[in-house]
């Protein structure tokens, strides 16, 4: 089962008013043990409680470096003097 499908199920359980444990039990009873874990459902429910219902994948890992060319140029000029 794809994580995007599991997220839809977690959103459904959240809107039903299920607790984290109830959601895990409901999802796993239908789709198999360890399809949903307490940690994953708790993380999603926390996100939903904050008002964020976006189900897309979140970027993970090190954030990309953002370099402002104007700042870089000014720093380079200041250091070359």
C-alpha atoms as a PDB file:
ATOM      1  CA  UNK A   1       0.000   0.000   0.000  1.00  0.00           C
ATOM      2  CA  UNK A   2       1.326   3.430  -0.959  1.00  0.00           C
ATOM      3  CA  UNK A   3       1.941   6.066   1.718  1.00  0.00           C
ATOM      4  CA  UNK A   4      -0.362   8.472  -0.136  1.00  0.00           C
ATOM      5  CA  UNK A   5      -3.218   5.977   0.294  1.00  0.00           C
ATOM      6  CA  UNK A   6      -2.410   5.551   3.984  1.00  0.00           C
ATOM      7  CA  UNK A   7      -2.476   9.340   4.447  1.00  0.00           C
ATOM      8  CA  UNK A   8      -5.992   9.454   3.012  1.00  0.00           C
ATOM      9  CA  UNK A   9      -7.054   6.793   5.513  1.00  0.00           C
ATOM     10  CA  UNK A  10      -5.448   8.733   8.370  1.00  0.00           C
ATOM     11  CA  UNK A  11      -7.247  11.904   7.280  1.00  0.00           C
ATOM     12  CA  UNK A  12     -10.526   9.985   7.207  1.00  0.00           C
ATOM     13  CA  UNK A  13      -9.900   8.593  10.713  1.00  0.00           C
ATOM     14  CA  UNK A  14      -8.991  12.074  11.965  1.00  0.00           C
ATOM     15  CA  UNK A  15     -12.249  13.534  10.649  1.00  0.00           C
ATOM     16  CA  UNK A  16     -14.173  10.646  12.217  1.00  0.00           C
ATOM     17  CA  UNK A  17     -12.766  11.764  15.570  1.00  0.00           C
ATOM     18  CA  UNK A  18     -10.707   8.630  16.148  1.00  0.00           C
ATOM     19  CA  UNK A  19      -7.789   8.701  18.554  1.00  0.00           C
ATOM     20  CA  UNK A  20      -4.331   7.758  17.325  1.00  0.00           C
ATOM     21  CA  UNK A  21      -4.670   4.245  18.733  1.00  0.00           C
ATOM     22  CA  UNK A  22      -8.144   3.784  17.281  1.00  0.00           C
ATOM     23  CA  UNK A  23      -6.962   4.942  13.853  1.00  0.00           C
ATOM     24  CA  UNK A  24      -3.995   2.546  13.909  1.00  0.00           C
ATOM     25  CA  UNK A  25      -6.227  -0.336  14.991  1.00  0.00           C
ATOM     26  CA  UNK A  26      -8.868   0.445  12.351  1.00  0.00           C
ATOM     27  CA  UNK A  27      -6.391   0.796   9.485  1.00  0.00           C
ATOM     28  CA  UNK A  28      -4.341  -2.246  10.451  1.00  0.00           C
ATOM     29  CA  UNK A  29      -7.401  -4.439  11.018  1.00  0.00           C
ATOM     30  CA  UNK A  30      -8.414  -3.912   7.396  1.00  0.00           C
ATOM     31  CA  UNK A  31      -5.067  -3.620   5.604  1.00  0.00           C
ATOM     32  CA  UNK A  32      -2.704  -5.648   7.769  1.00  0.00           C
ATOM     33  CA  UNK A  33      -0.435  -5.286  10.740  1.00  0.00           C
ATOM     34  CA  UNK A  34       2.034  -2.381  10.610  1.00  0.00           C
ATOM     35  CA  UNK A  35       0.463  -0.620   7.642  1.00  0.00           C
ATOM     36  CA  UNK A  36       0.020   2.301  10.029  1.00  0.00           C
ATOM     37  CA  UNK A  37       2.114   2.863  13.146  1.00  0.00           C
ATOM     38  CA  UNK A  38       1.346   4.914  16.243  1.00  0.00           C
ATOM     39  CA  UNK A  39       4.222   7.285  15.460  1.00  0.00           C
ATOM     40  CA  UNK A  40       3.120   7.909  11.873  1.00  0.00           C
ATOM     41  CA  UNK A  41      -0.524   8.463  12.765  1.00  0.00           C
ATOM     42  CA  UNK A  42       0.398  10.709  15.705  1.00  0.00           C
ATOM     43  CA  UNK A  43       2.611  12.833  13.431  1.00  0.00           C
ATOM     44  CA  UNK A  44      -0.178  13.154  10.844  1.00  0.00           C
ATOM     45  CA  UNK A  45      -2.823  13.932  13.459  1.00  0.00           C
ATOM     46  CA  UNK A  46      -0.574  16.664  14.905  1.00  0.00           C
ATOM     47  CA  UNK A  47      -0.263  18.161  11.424  1.00  0.00           C
ATOM     48  CA  UNK A  48      -4.037  17.952  10.899  1.00  0.00           C
ATOM     49  CA  UNK A  49      -4.744  19.618  14.274  1.00  0.00           C
ATOM     50  CA  UNK A  50      -2.594  22.560  13.172  1.00  0.00           C
ATOM     51  CA  UNK A  51      -4.879  22.967  10.142  1.00  0.00           C
ATOM     52  CA  UNK A  52      -2.491  21.470   7.579  1.00  0.00           C
ATOM     53  CA  UNK A  53      -4.406  18.865   5.580  1.00  0.00           C
ATOM     54  CA  UNK A  54      -1.932  18.679   2.682  1.00  0.00           C
ATOM     55  CA  UNK A  55      -1.332  14.997   1.912  1.00  0.00           C
ATOM     56  CA  UNK A  56       1.617  15.432  -0.452  1.00  0.00           C
ATOM     57  CA  UNK A  57       5.102  14.211   0.367  1.00  0.00           C
ATOM     58  CA  UNK A  58       7.143  16.537   2.489  1.00  0.00           C
ATOM     59  CA  UNK A  59      10.689  17.281   1.469  1.00  0.00           C
ATOM     60  CA  UNK A  60      13.187  15.565   3.738  1.00  0.00           C
ATOM     61  CA  UNK A  61      16.876  15.833   4.304  1.00  0.00           C
ATOM     62  CA  UNK A  62      19.173  18.786   4.232  1.00  0.00           C
ATOM     63  CA  UNK A  63      17.555  21.970   2.963  1.00  0.00           C
ATOM     64  CA  UNK A  64      18.953  23.347  -0.255  1.00  0.00           C
ATOM     65  CA  UNK A  65      21.380  26.214   0.141  1.00  0.00           C
ATOM     66  CA  UNK A  66      20.034  29.495  -1.080  1.00  0.00           C
ATOM     67  CA  UNK A  67      22.615  32.006  -2.192  1.00  0.00           C
ATOM     68  CA  UNK A  68      21.681  35.608  -2.812  1.00  0.00           C
ATOM     69  CA  UNK A  69      23.949  36.740  -5.644  1.00  0.00           C
ATOM     70  CA  UNK A  70      23.881  40.393  -4.523  1.00  0.00           C
ATOM     71  CA  UNK A  71      25.009  39.464  -1.006  1.00  0.00           C
ATOM     72  CA  UNK A  72      27.669  37.145  -2.412  1.00  0.00           C
ATOM     73  CA  UNK A  73      28.968  39.865  -4.737  1.00  0.00           C
ATOM     74  CA  UNK A  74      29.066  42.445  -1.913  1.00  0.00           C
ATOM     75  CA  UNK A  75      30.905  40.006   0.358  1.00  0.00           C
ATOM     76  CA  UNK A  76      33.396  39.196  -2.369  1.00  0.00           C
ATOM     77  CA  UNK A  77      34.039  42.891  -3.041  1.00  0.00           C
ATOM     78  CA  UNK A  78      34.443  43.624   0.674  1.00  0.00           C
ATOM     79  CA  UNK A  79      36.945  40.788   1.093  1.00  0.00           C
ATOM     80  CA  UNK A  80      38.991  41.710  -1.980  1.00  0.00           C
ATOM     81  CA  UNK A  81      39.810  45.202  -0.669  1.00  0.00           C
END
